[in-house]
C-alpha atoms as a PDB file:
ATOM      1  CA  UNK A   1      -0.111  -0.086   0.184  1.00  0.00           C
ATOM      2  CA  UNK A   2       2.586   2.531   0.747  1.00  0.00           C
ATOM      3  CA  UNK A   3       6.054   2.805  -0.475  1.00  0.00           C
ATOM      4  CA  UNK A   4       9.359   3.081   1.345  1.00  0.00           C
ATOM      5  CA  UNK A   5       9.962   6.353   3.736  1.00  0.00           C
ATOM      6  CA  UNK A   6      12.317   9.143   2.377  1.00  0.00           C
ATOM      7  CA  UNK A   7      14.549   8.388   5.385  1.00  0.00           C
ATOM      8  CA  UNK A   8      14.399   4.694   5.015  1.00  0.00           C
ATOM      9  CA  UNK A   9      12.881   4.005   8.333  1.00  0.00           C
ATOM     10  CA  UNK A  10      10.339   1.462   8.587  1.00  0.00           C
ATOM     11  CA  UNK A  11       6.585   2.573   9.105  1.00  0.00           C
ATOM     12  CA  UNK A  12       5.418   2.358  12.887  1.00  0.00           C
ATOM     13  CA  UNK A  13       2.541  -0.516  13.396  1.00  0.00           C
ATOM     14  CA  UNK A  14      -0.484   2.155  13.365  1.00  0.00           C
ATOM     15  CA  UNK A  15       1.226   4.485  10.771  1.00  0.00           C
ATOM     16  CA  UNK A  16      -0.305   2.999   7.815  1.00  0.00           C
ATOM     17  CA  UNK A  17      -3.913   2.649   9.370  1.00  0.00           C
ATOM     18  CA  UNK A  18      -4.130   6.315  10.264  1.00  0.00           C
ATOM     19  CA  UNK A  19      -2.595   7.541   6.551  1.00  0.00           C
ATOM     20  CA  UNK A  20      -5.477   5.231   5.004  1.00  0.00           C
ATOM     21  CA  UNK A  21      -7.980   6.783   7.463  1.00  0.00           C
ATOM     22  CA  UNK A  22      -6.784  10.279   5.946  1.00  0.00           C
ATOM     23  CA  UNK A  23      -6.886   9.153   2.388  1.00  0.00           C
ATOM     24  CA  UNK A  24     -10.481   7.599   3.100  1.00  0.00           C
ATOM     25  CA  UNK A  25     -11.659  11.183   4.299  1.00  0.00           C
ATOM     26  CA  UNK A  26     -10.068  12.816   1.290  1.00  0.00           C
ATOM     27  CA  UNK A  27     -11.791  10.371  -0.811  1.00  0.00           C
ATOM     28  CA  UNK A  28     -15.102  11.268   0.851  1.00  0.00           C
ATOM     29  CA  UNK A  29     -14.433  14.803   0.284  1.00  0.00           C
ATOM     30  CA  UNK A  30     -13.941  14.148  -3.382  1.00  0.00           C
ATOM     31  CA  UNK A  31     -16.868  12.195  -3.656  1.00  0.00           C
ATOM     32  CA  UNK A  32     -19.031  14.938  -2.105  1.00  0.00           C
ATOM     33  CA  UNK A  33     -17.616  17.680  -4.615  1.00  0.00           C
ATOM     34  CA  UNK A  34     -18.559  15.548  -7.364  1.00  0.00           C
ATOM     35  CA  UNK A  35     -21.931  14.805  -6.450  1.00  0.00           C
ATOM     36  CA  UNK A  36     -22.458  18.529  -5.866  1.00  0.00           C
ATOM     37  CA  UNK A  37     -20.514  20.007  -8.731  1.00  0.00           C
ATOM     38  CA  UNK A  38     -23.153  22.633  -9.690  1.00  0.00           C
ATOM     39  CA  UNK A  39     -23.681  24.026  -6.271  1.00  0.00           C
ATOM     40  CA  UNK A  40     -20.326  24.032  -3.976  1.00  0.00           C
ATOM     41  CA  UNK A  41     -22.028  25.070  -0.573  1.00  0.00           C
ATOM     42  CA  UNK A  42     -20.435  26.295   2.385  1.00  0.00           C
ATOM     43  CA  UNK A  43     -21.078  23.018   4.130  1.00  0.00           C
ATOM     44  CA  UNK A  44     -18.625  21.250   1.706  1.00  0.00           C
ATOM     45  CA  UNK A  45     -16.125  24.031   2.212  1.00  0.00           C
ATOM     46  CA  UNK A  46     -16.275  23.667   5.884  1.00  0.00           C
ATOM     47  CA  UNK A  47     -15.860  19.814   5.610  1.00  0.00           C
ATOM     48  CA  UNK A  48     -12.884  20.426   3.465  1.00  0.00           C
ATOM     49  CA  UNK A  49     -11.341  22.790   5.826  1.00  0.00           C
ATOM     50  CA  UNK A  50     -12.122  20.242   8.783  1.00  0.00           C
ATOM     51  CA  UNK A  51     -10.313  17.415   6.420  1.00  0.00           C
ATOM     52  CA  UNK A  52      -7.228  19.747   6.066  1.00  0.00           C
ATOM     53  CA  UNK A  53      -7.103  20.491   9.879  1.00  0.00           C
ATOM     54  CA  UNK A  54      -7.263  16.718  10.667  1.00  0.00           C
ATOM     55  CA  UNK A  55      -5.128  16.014   7.954  1.00  0.00           C
ATOM     56  CA  UNK A  56      -2.295  18.155   9.151  1.00  0.00           C
ATOM     57  CA  UNK A  57      -2.735  17.174  12.822  1.00  0.00           C
ATOM     58  CA  UNK A  58      -2.215  13.663  11.680  1.00  0.00           C
ATOM     59  CA  UNK A  59       0.835  14.561   9.883  1.00  0.00           C
ATOM     60  CA  UNK A  60       2.145  16.223  12.828  1.00  0.00           C
ATOM     61  CA  UNK A  61       1.253  13.290  15.202  1.00  0.00           C
ATOM     62  CA  UNK A  62       2.764  10.846  12.838  1.00  0.00           C
ATOM     63  CA  UNK A  63       5.715  12.905  12.351  1.00  0.00           C
ATOM     64  CA  UNK A  64       6.537  12.507  16.194  1.00  0.00           C
ATOM     65  CA  UNK A  65       5.433   8.662  16.305  1.00  0.00           C
ATOM     66  CA  UNK A  66       8.949   7.303  15.383  1.00  0.00           C
ATOM     67  CA  UNK A  67      10.920   9.594  17.980  1.00  0.00           C
ATOM     68  CA  UNK A  68       8.209   8.477  20.760  1.00  0.00           C
ATOM     69  CA  UNK A  69       8.499   4.961  20.092  1.00  0.00           C
ATOM     70  CA  UNK A  70      12.155   5.094  19.885  1.00  0.00           C
ATOM     71  CA  UNK A  71      12.218   6.731  23.079  1.00  0.00           C
ATOM     72  CA  UNK A  72       9.950   4.253  24.612  1.00  0.00           C
ATOM     73  CA  UNK A  73      12.089   1.500  23.354  1.00  0.00           C
ATOM     74  CA  UNK A  74      15.222   3.152  24.977  1.00  0.00           C
ATOM     75  CA  UNK A  75      13.465   3.344  28.209  1.00  0.00           C
ATOM     76  CA  UNK A  76      12.351  -0.289  28.131  1.00  0.00           C
ATOM     77  CA  UNK A  77      15.901  -1.405  27.187  1.00  0.00           C
ATOM     78  CA  UNK A  78      17.533   0.837  30.316  1.00  0.00           C
ATOM     79  CA  UNK A  79      14.628  -0.792  32.529  1.00  0.00           C
ATOM     80  CA  UNK A  80      15.644  -4.385  31.834  1.00  0.00           C
ATOM     81  CA  UNK A  81      19.462  -3.287  31.733  1.00  0.00           C
ATOM     82  CA  UNK A  82      19.094  -1.895  35.285  1.00  0.00           C
ATOM     83  CA  UNK A  83      16.896  -4.957  36.222  1.00  0.00           C
ATOM     84  CA  UNK A  84      19.548  -7.367  35.253  1.00  0.00           C
ATOM     85  CA  UNK A  85      22.301  -5.265  37.252  1.00  0.00           C
ATOM     86  CA  UNK A  86      20.222  -5.490  40.438  1.00  0.00           C
ATOM     87  CA  UNK A  87      19.993  -9.091  40.144  1.00  0.00           C
END
């Protein structure tokens, strides 16, 4: 479904699902525009603005995800090492 990331890092387990959800929302917005081509109402424009806001928030959250996962893994690794040293 997704190509390799530009930086070569693997996708986090929940990243593809989040991207698919955003893509689905964009598809719905495009369908709405196609269905009401003749009269673009304020409701459709508001939906598109909301979708844009959601998309930007998702991108921001996804951008922070690899660092959060790495930090969590480092924390788990440090706890395991400390536990082994005490034993």
